[in-house]
């Protein structure tokens, strides 16, 4: 597989990761209010919290996202600039990358991590059912 194609795949996966995190902030309170059982699933809630906390931790320690690093490496290998690629990859890049000062991202990611943690305790996942043996 060519580095350009791999870079396209990485940026789309990166966008899906971001979409999962962002959609959780809408789905969890909405689902809690509307009685959607899946938003109370323990696996979903732990995965959402972990995905959000990973982004917050990266921001707190000044680490560049591994998916961004991988995509840029693949683009350079393919002789491309960041943001190049197939149609869908270009749009994914436009949705993912913004030209703001780094402190804006650190603040936003840490705030979202705090909100995810608050939601986890304020709108908790279902307790595990104990099996009767």
Protein backbone atom coordinates (compact mmCIF):
# COMPACT_ATOMS: atom_id res chain seq x y z
CA UNK A 1 0.00 0.00 0.00
CA UNK A 2 1.35 3.43 -0.86
CA UNK A 3 2.26 5.92 1.88
CA UNK A 4 -0.23 8.42 0.41
CA UNK A 5 -3.09 5.92 0.68
CA UNK A 6 -2.05 4.98 4.21
CA UNK A 7 -1.97 8.68 5.15
CA UNK A 8 -5.51 9.05 3.77
CA UNK A 9 -6.67 6.10 5.86
CA UNK A 10 -4.99 7.47 8.99
CA UNK A 11 -6.61 10.91 8.66
CA UNK A 12 -10.06 9.35 8.18
CA UNK A 13 -9.53 7.11 11.24
CA UNK A 14 -8.40 10.20 13.15
CA UNK A 15 -11.61 11.98 12.19
CA UNK A 16 -13.66 8.96 13.29
CA UNK A 17 -11.87 8.99 16.66
CA UNK A 18 -12.66 12.70 17.09
CA UNK A 19 -16.26 12.10 16.01
CA UNK A 20 -16.63 9.33 18.60
CA UNK A 21 -15.37 11.62 21.36
CA UNK A 22 -17.49 14.62 20.33
CA UNK A 23 -20.64 12.59 19.69
CA UNK A 24 -20.40 11.11 23.18
CA UNK A 25 -20.80 14.57 24.69
CA UNK A 26 -24.11 14.86 22.87
CA UNK A 27 -25.30 11.25 23.06
CA UNK A 28 -24.69 10.62 26.76
CA UNK A 29 -26.84 13.43 28.21
CA UNK A 30 -29.44 13.09 25.44
CA UNK A 31 -29.60 9.32 25.86
CA UNK A 32 -29.78 9.64 29.63
CA UNK A 33 -32.75 11.99 29.28
CA UNK A 34 -34.47 9.95 26.57
CA UNK A 35 -33.84 6.58 28.18
CA UNK A 36 -31.44 5.13 25.59
CA UNK A 37 -29.95 2.08 27.27
CA UNK A 38 -26.77 1.93 25.19
CA UNK A 39 -25.46 5.23 26.59
CA UNK A 40 -25.47 3.63 30.02
CA UNK A 41 -23.44 0.65 28.85
CA UNK A 42 -20.28 0.28 30.93
CA UNK A 43 -18.01 -0.56 27.97
CA UNK A 44 -19.20 2.42 25.91
CA UNK A 45 -18.85 4.83 28.82
CA UNK A 46 -15.38 3.59 29.80
CA UNK A 47 -14.24 3.74 26.17
CA UNK A 48 -15.55 7.30 25.81
CA UNK A 49 -13.92 8.40 29.05
CA UNK A 50 -10.61 6.75 28.12
CA UNK A 51 -10.60 8.22 24.59
CA UNK A 52 -11.30 11.69 25.95
CA UNK A 53 -8.78 11.39 28.79
CA UNK A 54 -6.09 10.23 26.36
CA UNK A 55 -6.53 13.43 24.34
CA UNK A 56 -6.51 15.52 27.53
CA UNK A 57 -3.36 13.82 28.81
CA UNK A 58 -1.60 14.37 25.48
CA UNK A 59 -2.45 18.05 25.63
CA UNK A 60 -1.37 18.37 29.27
CA UNK A 61 2.08 16.91 28.61
CA UNK A 62 2.56 18.70 25.28
CA UNK A 63 2.49 15.53 23.20
CA UNK A 64 1.47 15.65 19.55
CA UNK A 65 -1.27 13.16 18.69
CA UNK A 66 0.24 9.89 17.42
CA UNK A 67 -2.25 9.82 14.54
CA UNK A 68 -1.17 13.31 13.45
CA UNK A 69 2.49 12.32 13.68
CA UNK A 70 1.88 9.14 11.66
CA UNK A 71 -0.16 10.93 9.00
CA UNK A 72 2.46 13.68 8.55
CA UNK A 73 5.25 11.08 8.33
CA UNK A 74 3.35 9.16 5.67
CA UNK A 75 2.62 12.37 3.74
CA UNK A 76 6.32 13.34 3.77
CA UNK A 77 7.24 9.83 2.63
CA UNK A 78 4.76 10.19 -0.24
CA UNK A 79 6.15 13.64 -1.14
CA UNK A 80 2.97 15.39 -0.02
CA UNK A 81 2.28 18.32 2.28
CA UNK A 82 -0.04 18.14 5.30
CA UNK A 83 -3.66 18.44 4.21
CA UNK A 84 -3.07 16.91 0.79
CA UNK A 85 -4.58 13.63 -0.28
CA UNK A 86 -7.77 12.30 -1.78
CA UNK A 87 -11.02 14.25 -1.59
CA UNK A 88 -12.27 12.65 1.65
CA UNK A 89 -8.84 12.94 3.28
CA UNK A 90 -8.68 16.68 2.44
CA UNK A 91 -12.09 17.22 4.04
CA UNK A 92 -11.13 15.15 7.07
CA UNK A 93 -8.03 17.32 7.49
CA UNK A 94 -10.10 20.50 7.25
CA UNK A 95 -12.41 19.24 9.98
CA UNK A 96 -9.56 18.10 12.25
CA UNK A 97 -6.88 20.75 12.05
CA UNK A 98 -7.30 24.39 13.04
CA UNK A 99 -4.80 27.20 13.26
CA UNK A 100 -5.25 28.27 16.89
CA UNK A 101 -2.62 28.90 19.54
CA UNK A 102 -1.64 25.69 21.37
CA UNK A 103 -3.07 26.91 24.69
CA UNK A 104 -6.57 26.92 23.13
CA UNK A 105 -6.31 23.20 22.41
CA UNK A 106 -4.83 22.41 25.83
CA UNK A 107 -7.64 24.32 27.55
CA UNK A 108 -10.37 22.76 25.38
CA UNK A 109 -9.09 19.20 25.71
CA UNK A 110 -8.63 19.45 29.47
CA UNK A 111 -12.09 21.00 29.83
CA UNK A 112 -13.63 18.19 27.76
CA UNK A 113 -11.79 15.61 29.86
CA UNK A 114 -13.20 17.19 33.02
CA UNK A 115 -16.70 17.19 31.51
CA UNK A 116 -16.37 13.53 30.48
CA UNK A 117 -15.29 12.64 34.01
CA UNK A 118 -18.16 14.66 35.49
CA UNK A 119 -20.66 12.92 33.16
CA UNK A 120 -19.25 9.54 34.12
CA UNK A 121 -20.11 10.16 37.78
CA UNK A 122 -23.18 12.40 37.40
CA UNK A 123 -24.76 10.15 34.74
CA UNK A 124 -23.15 6.84 35.69
CA UNK A 125 -23.07 3.70 33.58
CA UNK A 126 -25.16 0.73 34.65
CA UNK A 127 -23.82 -1.29 37.51
CA UNK A 128 -22.67 -4.77 36.61
CA UNK A 129 -25.21 -7.44 37.28
CA UNK A 130 -23.93 -10.09 39.59
CA UNK A 131 -24.41 -13.57 38.29
CA UNK A 132 -26.18 -15.99 40.54
CA UNK A 133 -24.20 -19.15 40.80
